[in-house]
Structures are given as structure tokens and as C-alpha cells.
N, C-alpha and C. Protein backbone atom coordinates (compact mmCIF):
# COMPACT_ATOMS: atom_id res chain seq x y z
N MET A 1 103.86 210.85 49.96
CA MET A 1 105.20 210.32 49.78
C MET A 1 105.63 209.59 51.04
N ASN A 2 106.10 208.35 50.89
CA ASN A 2 106.51 207.53 52.02
C ASN A 2 108.02 207.60 52.16
N GLU A 3 108.48 208.26 53.21
CA GLU A 3 109.92 208.44 53.41
C GLU A 3 110.45 207.34 54.32
N THR A 4 111.60 206.79 53.97
CA THR A 4 112.22 205.72 54.75
C THR A 4 112.85 206.30 56.00
N ASN A 5 112.68 205.60 57.10
CA ASN A 5 113.32 205.95 58.35
C ASN A 5 114.83 205.84 58.16
N PRO A 6 115.61 206.86 58.54
CA PRO A 6 117.06 206.83 58.32
C PRO A 6 117.74 205.63 58.99
N VAL A 7 117.29 205.25 60.17
CA VAL A 7 117.90 204.11 60.86
C VAL A 7 117.63 202.83 60.08
N ASP A 8 116.41 202.65 59.61
CA ASP A 8 116.08 201.45 58.82
C ASP A 8 116.91 201.41 57.54
N ASN A 9 117.06 202.55 56.89
CA ASN A 9 117.86 202.66 55.68
C ASN A 9 119.32 202.28 55.96
N ILE A 10 119.88 202.80 57.04
CA ILE A 10 121.27 202.51 57.39
C ILE A 10 121.45 201.04 57.74
N LEU A 11 120.51 200.48 58.51
CA LEU A 11 120.62 199.07 58.88
C LEU A 11 120.50 198.16 57.67
N ALA A 12 119.60 198.49 56.76
CA ALA A 12 119.47 197.68 55.53
C ALA A 12 120.75 197.76 54.71
N ALA A 13 121.33 198.94 54.61
CA ALA A 13 122.60 199.09 53.88
C ALA A 13 123.72 198.33 54.58
N ALA A 14 123.76 198.38 55.89
CA ALA A 14 124.79 197.65 56.65
C ALA A 14 124.66 196.16 56.41
N ARG A 15 123.46 195.63 56.47
CA ARG A 15 123.25 194.19 56.23
C ARG A 15 123.74 193.80 54.84
N ARG A 16 123.40 194.62 53.84
CA ARG A 16 123.86 194.33 52.47
C ARG A 16 125.38 194.32 52.41
N CYS A 17 126.00 195.32 53.01
CA CYS A 17 127.47 195.42 52.98
C CYS A 17 128.12 194.24 53.70
N TYR A 18 127.60 193.88 54.87
CA TYR A 18 128.18 192.77 55.62
C TYR A 18 128.14 191.48 54.81
N VAL A 19 127.03 191.26 54.13
CA VAL A 19 126.85 190.03 53.36
C VAL A 19 127.66 190.07 52.06
N GLU A 20 127.61 191.19 51.35
CA GLU A 20 128.26 191.27 50.03
C GLU A 20 129.76 191.52 50.12
N GLN A 21 130.20 192.36 51.05
CA GLN A 21 131.61 192.73 51.13
C GLN A 21 132.35 192.01 52.24
N GLY A 22 131.62 191.49 53.20
CA GLY A 22 132.22 190.86 54.36
C GLY A 22 132.19 191.80 55.55
N ILE A 23 132.10 191.24 56.73
CA ILE A 23 132.00 192.05 57.93
C ILE A 23 133.27 192.84 58.16
N GLY A 24 134.42 192.19 57.98
CA GLY A 24 135.69 192.86 58.22
C GLY A 24 135.96 194.01 57.26
N ALA A 25 135.43 193.92 56.05
CA ALA A 25 135.67 194.96 55.04
C ALA A 25 134.64 196.08 55.10
N THR A 26 133.67 195.95 55.99
CA THR A 26 132.60 196.94 56.06
C THR A 26 132.84 197.89 57.22
N GLY A 27 132.97 199.16 56.88
CA GLY A 27 133.09 200.21 57.89
C GLY A 27 131.98 201.22 57.70
N MET A 28 132.06 202.26 58.46
CA MET A 28 131.03 203.30 58.40
C MET A 28 131.00 203.97 57.02
N LYS A 29 132.15 204.11 56.41
CA LYS A 29 132.24 204.74 55.09
C LYS A 29 131.46 203.92 54.05
N GLU A 30 131.65 202.60 54.08
CA GLU A 30 130.97 201.72 53.11
C GLU A 30 129.46 201.72 53.34
N VAL A 31 129.06 201.71 54.59
CA VAL A 31 127.63 201.71 54.91
C VAL A 31 127.00 203.03 54.50
N ALA A 32 127.67 204.13 54.77
CA ALA A 32 127.15 205.44 54.38
C ALA A 32 126.95 205.50 52.86
N ALA A 33 127.94 205.03 52.12
CA ALA A 33 127.83 205.05 50.65
C ALA A 33 126.67 204.18 50.18
N ALA A 34 126.53 202.99 50.77
CA ALA A 34 125.44 202.09 50.37
C ALA A 34 124.07 202.65 50.75
N ALA A 35 124.01 203.39 51.85
CA ALA A 35 122.74 203.99 52.30
C ALA A 35 122.44 205.30 51.58
N GLY A 36 123.45 205.86 50.89
CA GLY A 36 123.25 207.14 50.21
C GLY A 36 123.17 208.31 51.17
N VAL A 37 123.91 208.21 52.27
CA VAL A 37 123.92 209.29 53.26
C VAL A 37 125.37 209.65 53.60
N ALA A 38 125.55 210.75 54.26
CA ALA A 38 126.89 211.15 54.70
C ALA A 38 127.32 210.26 55.87
N ARG A 39 128.61 210.07 56.01
CA ARG A 39 129.13 209.27 57.10
C ARG A 39 128.68 209.85 58.45
N SER A 40 128.60 211.16 58.54
CA SER A 40 128.16 211.80 59.79
C SER A 40 126.73 211.38 60.16
N THR A 41 125.92 211.10 59.15
CA THR A 41 124.56 210.63 59.42
C THR A 41 124.59 209.25 60.06
N VAL A 42 125.45 208.39 59.57
CA VAL A 42 125.58 207.06 60.17
C VAL A 42 126.04 207.19 61.62
N TYR A 43 127.04 208.05 61.85
CA TYR A 43 127.55 208.26 63.21
C TYR A 43 126.52 208.90 64.14
N ARG A 44 125.59 209.64 63.56
CA ARG A 44 124.54 210.26 64.39
C ARG A 44 123.71 209.19 65.09
N TYR A 45 123.49 208.07 64.40
CA TYR A 45 122.64 207.01 64.94
C TYR A 45 123.43 205.87 65.57
N PHE A 46 124.67 205.69 65.14
CA PHE A 46 125.51 204.59 65.62
C PHE A 46 126.89 205.13 65.91
N PRO A 47 127.32 205.15 67.18
CA PRO A 47 128.60 205.78 67.54
C PRO A 47 129.83 205.10 66.95
N GLY A 48 129.70 203.85 66.54
CA GLY A 48 130.85 203.16 65.98
C GLY A 48 130.42 201.91 65.23
N ARG A 49 131.38 201.26 64.59
CA ARG A 49 131.04 200.10 63.75
C ARG A 49 130.53 198.92 64.57
N ASP A 50 130.99 198.79 65.82
CA ASP A 50 130.49 197.69 66.66
C ASP A 50 129.01 197.88 66.97
N GLU A 51 128.62 199.09 67.31
CA GLU A 51 127.21 199.37 67.62
C GLU A 51 126.32 199.15 66.39
N LEU A 52 126.85 199.49 65.22
CA LEU A 52 126.12 199.27 63.98
C LEU A 52 125.94 197.77 63.73
N LEU A 53 127.01 197.01 63.91
CA LEU A 53 126.93 195.56 63.74
C LEU A 53 125.93 194.95 64.71
N ILE A 54 125.99 195.34 65.97
CA ILE A 54 125.08 194.81 66.98
C ILE A 54 123.63 195.12 66.60
N ALA A 55 123.36 196.33 66.16
CA ALA A 55 122.00 196.71 65.78
C ALA A 55 121.51 195.89 64.58
N ALA A 56 122.38 195.67 63.60
CA ALA A 56 121.99 194.89 62.42
C ALA A 56 121.75 193.43 62.79
N VAL A 57 122.60 192.88 63.62
CA VAL A 57 122.44 191.49 64.04
C VAL A 57 121.21 191.34 64.92
N ARG A 58 120.94 192.33 65.77
CA ARG A 58 119.74 192.29 66.64
C ARG A 58 118.48 192.10 65.79
N GLU A 59 118.38 192.87 64.71
CA GLU A 59 117.20 192.76 63.83
C GLU A 59 117.04 191.32 63.31
N GLU A 60 118.14 190.75 62.87
CA GLU A 60 118.10 189.38 62.33
C GLU A 60 117.78 188.36 63.42
N MET A 61 118.35 188.56 64.61
CA MET A 61 118.10 187.64 65.70
C MET A 61 116.66 187.73 66.20
N LEU A 62 116.09 188.91 66.17
CA LEU A 62 114.67 189.05 66.54
C LEU A 62 113.79 188.26 65.59
N ALA A 63 114.09 188.36 64.30
CA ALA A 63 113.31 187.61 63.31
C ALA A 63 113.47 186.10 63.53
N LEU A 64 114.69 185.66 63.78
CA LEU A 64 114.93 184.24 64.04
C LEU A 64 114.22 183.80 65.32
N ASN A 65 114.27 184.63 66.34
CA ASN A 65 113.62 184.30 67.61
C ASN A 65 112.11 184.12 67.42
N ASP A 66 111.50 184.95 66.58
CA ASP A 66 110.08 184.81 66.29
C ASP A 66 109.79 183.46 65.63
N VAL A 67 110.66 183.05 64.71
CA VAL A 67 110.50 181.75 64.03
C VAL A 67 110.61 180.63 65.06
N ILE A 68 111.63 180.70 65.90
CA ILE A 68 111.84 179.65 66.90
C ILE A 68 110.63 179.58 67.85
N ARG A 69 110.20 180.74 68.34
CA ARG A 69 109.06 180.78 69.25
C ARG A 69 107.82 180.13 68.62
N GLY A 70 107.56 180.47 67.37
CA GLY A 70 106.40 179.91 66.68
C GLY A 70 106.47 178.41 66.52
N ARG A 71 107.64 177.92 66.16
CA ARG A 71 107.80 176.47 65.96
C ARG A 71 107.80 175.70 67.28
N LEU A 72 108.20 176.33 68.36
CA LEU A 72 108.25 175.63 69.64
C LEU A 72 106.88 175.45 70.27
N GLU A 73 105.87 176.13 69.74
CA GLU A 73 104.52 175.94 70.27
C GLU A 73 104.08 174.49 70.15
N ALA A 74 104.62 173.77 69.18
CA ALA A 74 104.29 172.36 68.99
C ALA A 74 105.04 171.44 69.95
N HIS A 75 105.93 172.01 70.76
CA HIS A 75 106.76 171.23 71.69
C HIS A 75 106.64 171.80 73.09
N PRO A 76 105.61 171.41 73.85
CA PRO A 76 105.38 172.03 75.15
C PRO A 76 106.34 171.59 76.27
N ALA A 77 106.91 170.40 76.18
CA ALA A 77 107.77 169.91 77.26
C ALA A 77 109.11 170.65 77.26
N PRO A 78 109.62 171.04 78.44
CA PRO A 78 110.89 171.77 78.50
C PRO A 78 112.04 171.07 77.78
N ALA A 79 112.17 169.76 77.91
CA ALA A 79 113.26 169.04 77.24
C ALA A 79 113.15 169.17 75.73
N GLU A 80 111.94 169.04 75.21
CA GLU A 80 111.72 169.19 73.77
C GLU A 80 112.00 170.62 73.33
N GLN A 81 111.60 171.60 74.14
CA GLN A 81 111.82 172.99 73.76
C GLN A 81 113.31 173.30 73.66
N VAL A 82 114.08 172.82 74.60
CA VAL A 82 115.52 173.07 74.57
C VAL A 82 116.15 172.43 73.33
N VAL A 83 115.86 171.16 73.13
CA VAL A 83 116.46 170.43 72.00
C VAL A 83 115.97 170.98 70.67
N GLU A 84 114.66 171.13 70.52
CA GLU A 84 114.12 171.61 69.24
C GLU A 84 114.52 173.05 68.98
N GLY A 85 114.56 173.89 70.01
CA GLY A 85 114.99 175.28 69.83
C GLY A 85 116.41 175.35 69.30
N LEU A 86 117.30 174.56 69.87
CA LEU A 86 118.68 174.55 69.39
C LEU A 86 118.78 173.96 67.99
N LEU A 87 118.02 172.93 67.73
CA LEU A 87 118.01 172.32 66.40
C LEU A 87 117.52 173.31 65.35
N ILE A 88 116.47 174.05 65.67
CA ILE A 88 115.96 175.07 64.74
C ILE A 88 117.03 176.12 64.49
N ALA A 89 117.69 176.58 65.55
CA ALA A 89 118.75 177.60 65.39
C ALA A 89 119.89 177.06 64.54
N ILE A 90 120.31 175.82 64.77
CA ILE A 90 121.40 175.23 63.98
C ILE A 90 121.01 175.15 62.51
N ARG A 91 119.74 174.87 62.26
CA ARG A 91 119.25 174.75 60.88
C ARG A 91 119.05 176.12 60.23
N GLU A 92 118.52 177.08 60.98
CA GLU A 92 118.13 178.37 60.41
C GLU A 92 119.27 179.38 60.26
N ILE A 93 120.21 179.41 61.18
CA ILE A 93 121.26 180.42 61.12
C ILE A 93 122.03 180.37 59.79
N PRO A 94 122.45 179.20 59.31
CA PRO A 94 123.15 179.18 58.02
C PRO A 94 122.31 179.63 56.83
N ARG A 95 120.99 179.62 56.98
CA ARG A 95 120.09 180.06 55.91
C ARG A 95 119.89 181.57 55.88
N ARG A 96 120.35 182.25 56.90
CA ARG A 96 120.20 183.70 57.01
C ARG A 96 121.57 184.33 56.81
N PRO A 97 121.79 184.97 55.68
CA PRO A 97 123.14 185.40 55.30
C PRO A 97 123.91 186.18 56.36
N LEU A 98 123.29 187.15 57.02
CA LEU A 98 124.03 187.92 58.01
C LEU A 98 124.36 187.06 59.23
N LEU A 99 123.39 186.30 59.73
CA LEU A 99 123.66 185.45 60.88
C LEU A 99 124.69 184.37 60.54
N ALA A 100 124.65 183.86 59.32
CA ALA A 100 125.66 182.89 58.90
C ALA A 100 127.04 183.52 58.90
N ALA A 101 127.14 184.75 58.41
CA ALA A 101 128.43 185.45 58.38
C ALA A 101 128.98 185.67 59.79
N VAL A 102 128.10 185.94 60.74
CA VAL A 102 128.55 186.20 62.11
C VAL A 102 128.82 184.90 62.86
N PHE A 103 127.88 183.96 62.81
CA PHE A 103 127.93 182.80 63.70
C PHE A 103 128.44 181.52 63.06
N ALA A 104 128.51 181.45 61.75
CA ALA A 104 128.85 180.17 61.12
C ALA A 104 129.99 180.27 60.11
N SER A 105 130.77 181.35 60.15
CA SER A 105 131.86 181.48 59.18
C SER A 105 133.18 181.74 59.88
N GLU A 106 134.25 181.46 59.18
CA GLU A 106 135.58 181.75 59.72
C GLU A 106 135.77 183.25 59.89
N GLU A 107 135.23 184.03 58.96
CA GLU A 107 135.40 185.48 59.00
C GLU A 107 134.66 186.11 60.18
N GLY A 108 133.69 185.40 60.74
CA GLY A 108 132.86 185.97 61.79
C GLY A 108 133.49 186.02 63.16
N GLY A 109 134.73 185.61 63.32
CA GLY A 109 135.35 185.56 64.64
C GLY A 109 135.29 186.86 65.40
N ARG A 110 135.72 187.96 64.79
CA ARG A 110 135.67 189.26 65.45
C ARG A 110 134.23 189.66 65.73
N ALA A 111 133.35 189.43 64.76
CA ALA A 111 131.94 189.78 64.92
C ALA A 111 131.32 188.98 66.07
N ARG A 112 131.64 187.68 66.17
CA ARG A 112 131.14 186.88 67.28
C ARG A 112 131.58 187.47 68.61
N GLY A 113 132.84 187.92 68.67
CA GLY A 113 133.34 188.54 69.89
C GLY A 113 132.58 189.80 70.24
N VAL A 114 132.29 190.63 69.24
CA VAL A 114 131.54 191.87 69.47
C VAL A 114 130.14 191.53 69.99
N ILE A 115 129.49 190.57 69.35
CA ILE A 115 128.14 190.18 69.76
C ILE A 115 128.19 189.56 71.16
N TRP A 116 129.18 188.72 71.42
CA TRP A 116 129.32 188.04 72.71
C TRP A 116 129.48 189.05 73.84
N GLN A 117 130.25 190.13 73.58
CA GLN A 117 130.51 191.14 74.61
C GLN A 117 129.36 192.13 74.77
N SER A 118 128.44 192.16 73.83
CA SER A 118 127.31 193.08 73.91
C SER A 118 126.24 192.49 74.84
N SER A 119 125.19 193.24 75.04
CA SER A 119 124.07 192.75 75.85
C SER A 119 123.09 191.93 75.01
N LEU A 120 123.38 191.78 73.74
CA LEU A 120 122.45 191.11 72.82
C LEU A 120 122.18 189.67 73.22
N LEU A 121 123.21 188.89 73.47
CA LEU A 121 122.99 187.50 73.85
C LEU A 121 122.32 187.40 75.21
N GLU A 122 122.63 188.33 76.08
CA GLU A 122 121.97 188.37 77.38
C GLU A 122 120.46 188.58 77.21
N GLN A 123 120.09 189.45 76.28
CA GLN A 123 118.67 189.71 76.02
C GLN A 123 117.98 188.45 75.50
N PHE A 124 118.65 187.76 74.59
CA PHE A 124 118.06 186.54 74.05
C PHE A 124 118.09 185.42 75.07
N GLY A 125 119.08 185.44 75.95
CA GLY A 125 119.12 184.50 77.05
C GLY A 125 117.95 184.70 77.99
N GLU A 126 117.59 185.96 78.21
CA GLU A 126 116.43 186.27 79.04
C GLU A 126 115.16 185.69 78.43
N ASP A 127 115.06 185.76 77.11
CA ASP A 127 113.89 185.19 76.43
C ASP A 127 113.85 183.69 76.66
N MET A 128 115.03 183.04 76.54
CA MET A 128 115.10 181.60 76.78
C MET A 128 114.74 181.29 78.23
N MET A 129 115.21 182.14 79.15
CA MET A 129 114.90 181.95 80.56
C MET A 129 113.40 182.03 80.77
N THR A 130 112.76 183.03 80.18
CA THR A 130 111.34 183.24 80.37
C THR A 130 110.52 182.09 79.79
N ARG A 131 110.88 181.66 78.59
CA ARG A 131 110.08 180.65 77.89
C ARG A 131 110.36 179.23 78.35
N VAL A 132 111.61 178.91 78.69
CA VAL A 132 111.99 177.52 78.93
C VAL A 132 112.47 177.29 80.37
N MET A 133 113.46 178.05 80.79
CA MET A 133 114.12 177.76 82.06
C MET A 133 113.23 178.04 83.27
N ARG A 134 112.55 179.19 83.30
CA ARG A 134 111.70 179.49 84.47
C ARG A 134 110.56 178.50 84.62
N PRO A 135 109.84 178.18 83.52
CA PRO A 135 108.80 177.15 83.68
C PRO A 135 109.37 175.81 84.15
N ALA A 136 110.55 175.44 83.65
CA ALA A 136 111.17 174.19 84.09
C ALA A 136 111.52 174.26 85.58
N ALA A 137 112.02 175.41 86.01
CA ALA A 137 112.36 175.61 87.43
C ALA A 137 111.10 175.53 88.29
N GLU A 138 110.01 176.16 87.82
CA GLU A 138 108.76 176.13 88.59
C GLU A 138 108.20 174.72 88.71
N LEU A 139 108.48 173.88 87.72
CA LEU A 139 108.04 172.48 87.77
C LEU A 139 109.03 171.60 88.53
N GLY A 140 110.13 172.21 89.00
CA GLY A 140 111.15 171.45 89.72
C GLY A 140 112.03 170.62 88.80
N LEU A 141 112.08 170.98 87.52
CA LEU A 141 112.83 170.19 86.54
C LEU A 141 114.23 170.74 86.25
N LEU A 142 114.48 171.98 86.60
CA LEU A 142 115.76 172.62 86.26
C LEU A 142 116.85 172.16 87.23
N GLN A 143 118.00 171.83 86.68
CA GLN A 143 119.14 171.48 87.53
C GLN A 143 119.44 172.68 88.42
N ASP A 144 119.69 172.44 89.68
CA ASP A 144 119.91 173.56 90.58
C ASP A 144 121.37 173.75 90.98
N HIS A 145 122.26 172.93 90.46
CA HIS A 145 123.67 173.07 90.83
C HIS A 145 124.43 174.04 89.93
N VAL A 146 123.77 174.54 88.88
CA VAL A 146 124.40 175.51 87.98
C VAL A 146 123.44 176.69 87.82
N PRO A 147 123.95 177.93 87.98
CA PRO A 147 123.06 179.10 87.81
C PRO A 147 122.45 179.13 86.40
N PRO A 148 121.19 179.55 86.29
CA PRO A 148 120.51 179.57 84.99
C PRO A 148 121.26 180.35 83.91
N GLU A 149 121.89 181.50 84.27
CA GLU A 149 122.60 182.27 83.24
C GLU A 149 123.80 181.50 82.70
N VAL A 150 124.40 180.64 83.51
CA VAL A 150 125.51 179.80 83.03
C VAL A 150 124.98 178.73 82.09
N LEU A 151 123.80 178.20 82.40
CA LEU A 151 123.18 177.21 81.51
C LEU A 151 122.87 177.84 80.15
N VAL A 152 122.36 179.07 80.15
CA VAL A 152 122.07 179.75 78.89
C VAL A 152 123.36 179.96 78.10
N GLU A 153 124.42 180.38 78.78
CA GLU A 153 125.70 180.57 78.08
C GLU A 153 126.18 179.25 77.50
N TRP A 154 126.03 178.18 78.24
CA TRP A 154 126.48 176.87 77.76
C TRP A 154 125.71 176.46 76.50
N VAL A 155 124.41 176.74 76.46
CA VAL A 155 123.61 176.42 75.27
C VAL A 155 124.13 177.22 74.07
N TYR A 156 124.45 178.52 74.27
CA TYR A 156 124.97 179.33 73.17
C TYR A 156 126.33 178.81 72.71
N ARG A 157 127.16 178.40 73.64
CA ARG A 157 128.47 177.85 73.26
C ARG A 157 128.32 176.56 72.46
N LEU A 158 127.37 175.74 72.86
CA LEU A 158 127.11 174.51 72.12
C LEU A 158 126.61 174.83 70.72
N LEU A 159 125.71 175.80 70.62
CA LEU A 159 125.21 176.25 69.32
C LEU A 159 126.36 176.70 68.43
N LEU A 160 127.23 177.55 68.97
CA LEU A 160 128.37 178.04 68.17
C LEU A 160 129.27 176.91 67.73
N SER A 161 129.47 175.92 68.56
CA SER A 161 130.35 174.82 68.17
C SER A 161 129.77 174.04 67.00
N PHE A 162 128.46 173.78 67.02
CA PHE A 162 127.85 173.06 65.91
C PHE A 162 127.82 173.90 64.63
N LEU A 163 127.72 175.23 64.78
CA LEU A 163 127.69 176.10 63.60
C LEU A 163 129.07 176.28 62.98
N THR A 164 130.09 176.40 63.81
CA THR A 164 131.42 176.72 63.28
C THR A 164 132.26 175.48 62.97
N LEU A 165 131.91 174.35 63.54
CA LEU A 165 132.67 173.13 63.30
C LEU A 165 131.70 171.97 63.16
N PRO A 166 131.12 171.83 61.97
CA PRO A 166 130.14 170.76 61.75
C PRO A 166 130.72 169.39 62.08
N SER A 167 129.85 168.51 62.51
CA SER A 167 130.26 167.17 62.94
C SER A 167 130.65 166.29 61.77
N ASN A 168 131.66 165.47 61.99
CA ASN A 168 132.03 164.42 61.03
C ASN A 168 131.34 163.12 61.38
N VAL A 169 130.67 163.07 62.52
CA VAL A 169 130.06 161.84 63.02
C VAL A 169 128.55 161.86 62.89
N ILE A 170 127.95 163.01 63.17
CA ILE A 170 126.49 163.14 63.15
C ILE A 170 126.06 163.47 61.73
N GLY A 171 125.31 162.54 61.10
CA GLY A 171 124.98 162.72 59.69
C GLY A 171 123.58 163.22 59.41
N SER A 172 122.63 162.85 60.24
CA SER A 172 121.24 163.20 59.95
C SER A 172 120.67 164.11 61.03
N GLU A 173 119.52 164.70 60.72
CA GLU A 173 118.86 165.55 61.70
C GLU A 173 118.40 164.73 62.90
N ASP A 174 117.97 163.49 62.66
CA ASP A 174 117.57 162.63 63.78
C ASP A 174 118.75 162.31 64.69
N GLU A 175 119.92 162.07 64.09
CA GLU A 175 121.13 161.83 64.90
C GLU A 175 121.50 163.08 65.70
N LEU A 176 121.37 164.25 65.08
CA LEU A 176 121.65 165.50 65.77
C LEU A 176 120.66 165.70 66.91
N ARG A 177 119.39 165.44 66.69
CA ARG A 177 118.38 165.57 67.73
C ARG A 177 118.71 164.65 68.91
N THR A 178 119.07 163.40 68.62
CA THR A 178 119.43 162.44 69.67
C THR A 178 120.65 162.93 70.43
N THR A 179 121.64 163.44 69.72
CA THR A 179 122.86 163.95 70.34
C THR A 179 122.57 165.16 71.22
N LEU A 180 121.79 166.09 70.71
CA LEU A 180 121.44 167.28 71.49
C LEU A 180 120.67 166.88 72.75
N HIS A 181 119.78 165.93 72.61
CA HIS A 181 119.04 165.46 73.78
C HIS A 181 120.00 164.89 74.82
N ALA A 182 120.96 164.10 74.37
CA ALA A 182 121.93 163.49 75.30
C ALA A 182 122.85 164.53 75.92
N LEU A 183 123.21 165.58 75.17
CA LEU A 183 124.13 166.60 75.68
C LEU A 183 123.43 167.67 76.52
N LEU A 184 122.23 168.04 76.15
CA LEU A 184 121.54 169.15 76.80
C LEU A 184 120.67 168.76 77.99
N VAL A 185 119.82 167.81 77.78
CA VAL A 185 118.79 167.53 78.78
C VAL A 185 119.37 167.15 80.14
N PRO A 186 120.35 166.23 80.23
CA PRO A 186 120.87 165.89 81.56
C PRO A 186 121.56 167.06 82.27
N VAL A 187 122.12 167.99 81.51
CA VAL A 187 122.81 169.14 82.11
C VAL A 187 121.80 170.18 82.57
N LEU A 188 120.74 170.39 81.80
CA LEU A 188 119.78 171.45 82.09
C LEU A 188 118.64 171.00 83.00
N LEU A 189 118.19 169.77 82.78
CA LEU A 189 116.96 169.33 83.46
C LEU A 189 117.19 168.05 84.27
N LYS A 190 116.39 167.91 85.33
CA LYS A 190 116.45 166.71 86.18
C LYS A 190 115.70 165.58 85.53
């Protein structure tokens, strides 16, 4: 008999609730009911609703990060990695229901704040630093007048702006790529 890990069960139930009922309407009670466990069981693994949200979003972001990493293998130059990585994220986040609810919807405002204040974006920023920024710095290509962690934050802010307020001017993916190159590369790279 294959028994489901309680944490995996709770996270799967939380993701379903966030997508089907909305993030704001989902509390520990709703997740416990969807997981078929007592509320105390949910609290045993997650001290509060923010920690539960962060854990559920982390799973989705890890999966997205794997996709981005795989697709960036075809783009070895740091400038291409920055632009294509952001383009992939802009394209993929709306296709992933939980990430769309957090990062690309009006309802996601509180959830974005929770994620922003957590260490989650810092962890993913570290991945970006390791894959893109450090190699660019070692090649002497990284702008040195802005600390790398500020550059990572700026990239996330740019991502959020394109996700939450789509452009009325940029119509095609090629136009978006050109725009991202113009906005990102001069700020990040020499």
C-alpha cells in the first residue's frame, strides 16, 4: 500500500483551494477539509496560512525554474539569458494557475506581499545570481554601480509589472524581446 506523504497531500489540497476558491478565501480550515485531515494536522506542518502559501508557491516556482533553466541552455550569452529567462517567465506564469493567481491577478496583491516578504524570492534570486550574474561578473560584463541583489530585485519588479499590467504598446513576442533587451541589458550588463 502506497501512503501519501501528509505534507504533499496538504500542499496539493492547498493548491487546489487557491486556484478553485481564490487565495483570499482559502484558510487552514478549507485546506484541511480538501486534504481530508484535521485542521490541527495542517497546523502541525504549517504554523499559519502565510507559511502554507509560501510552501505551495515554492513548489510551483521550483517547477518553473527547472523549465527556465532547461530552456536557457540554448542561450549561453548573459544578455540572452537575462532577456530569454524573463520572457519565459512572462509567458509561463500565466499558464500555471497558482502562479497566475499570485503574480498575475488583481486578487494576488496580498499573496504577492507575502511571497515578497518571504525568503522565497531571495532563494530564486540566488539561483539567478549563480547562473547569470556571477558568470557575467567574472567576465567583467556586470554593471558594478548597482549591487547584484538590487539588480535581481529590479528584474523581479519588471517581471511583476509585465504580468500585472500588460502592455498596450508591445504586441508581439519579438517586440517584447526587443523591449526587454533595451530595458534590461544596459542596466545589468556593460
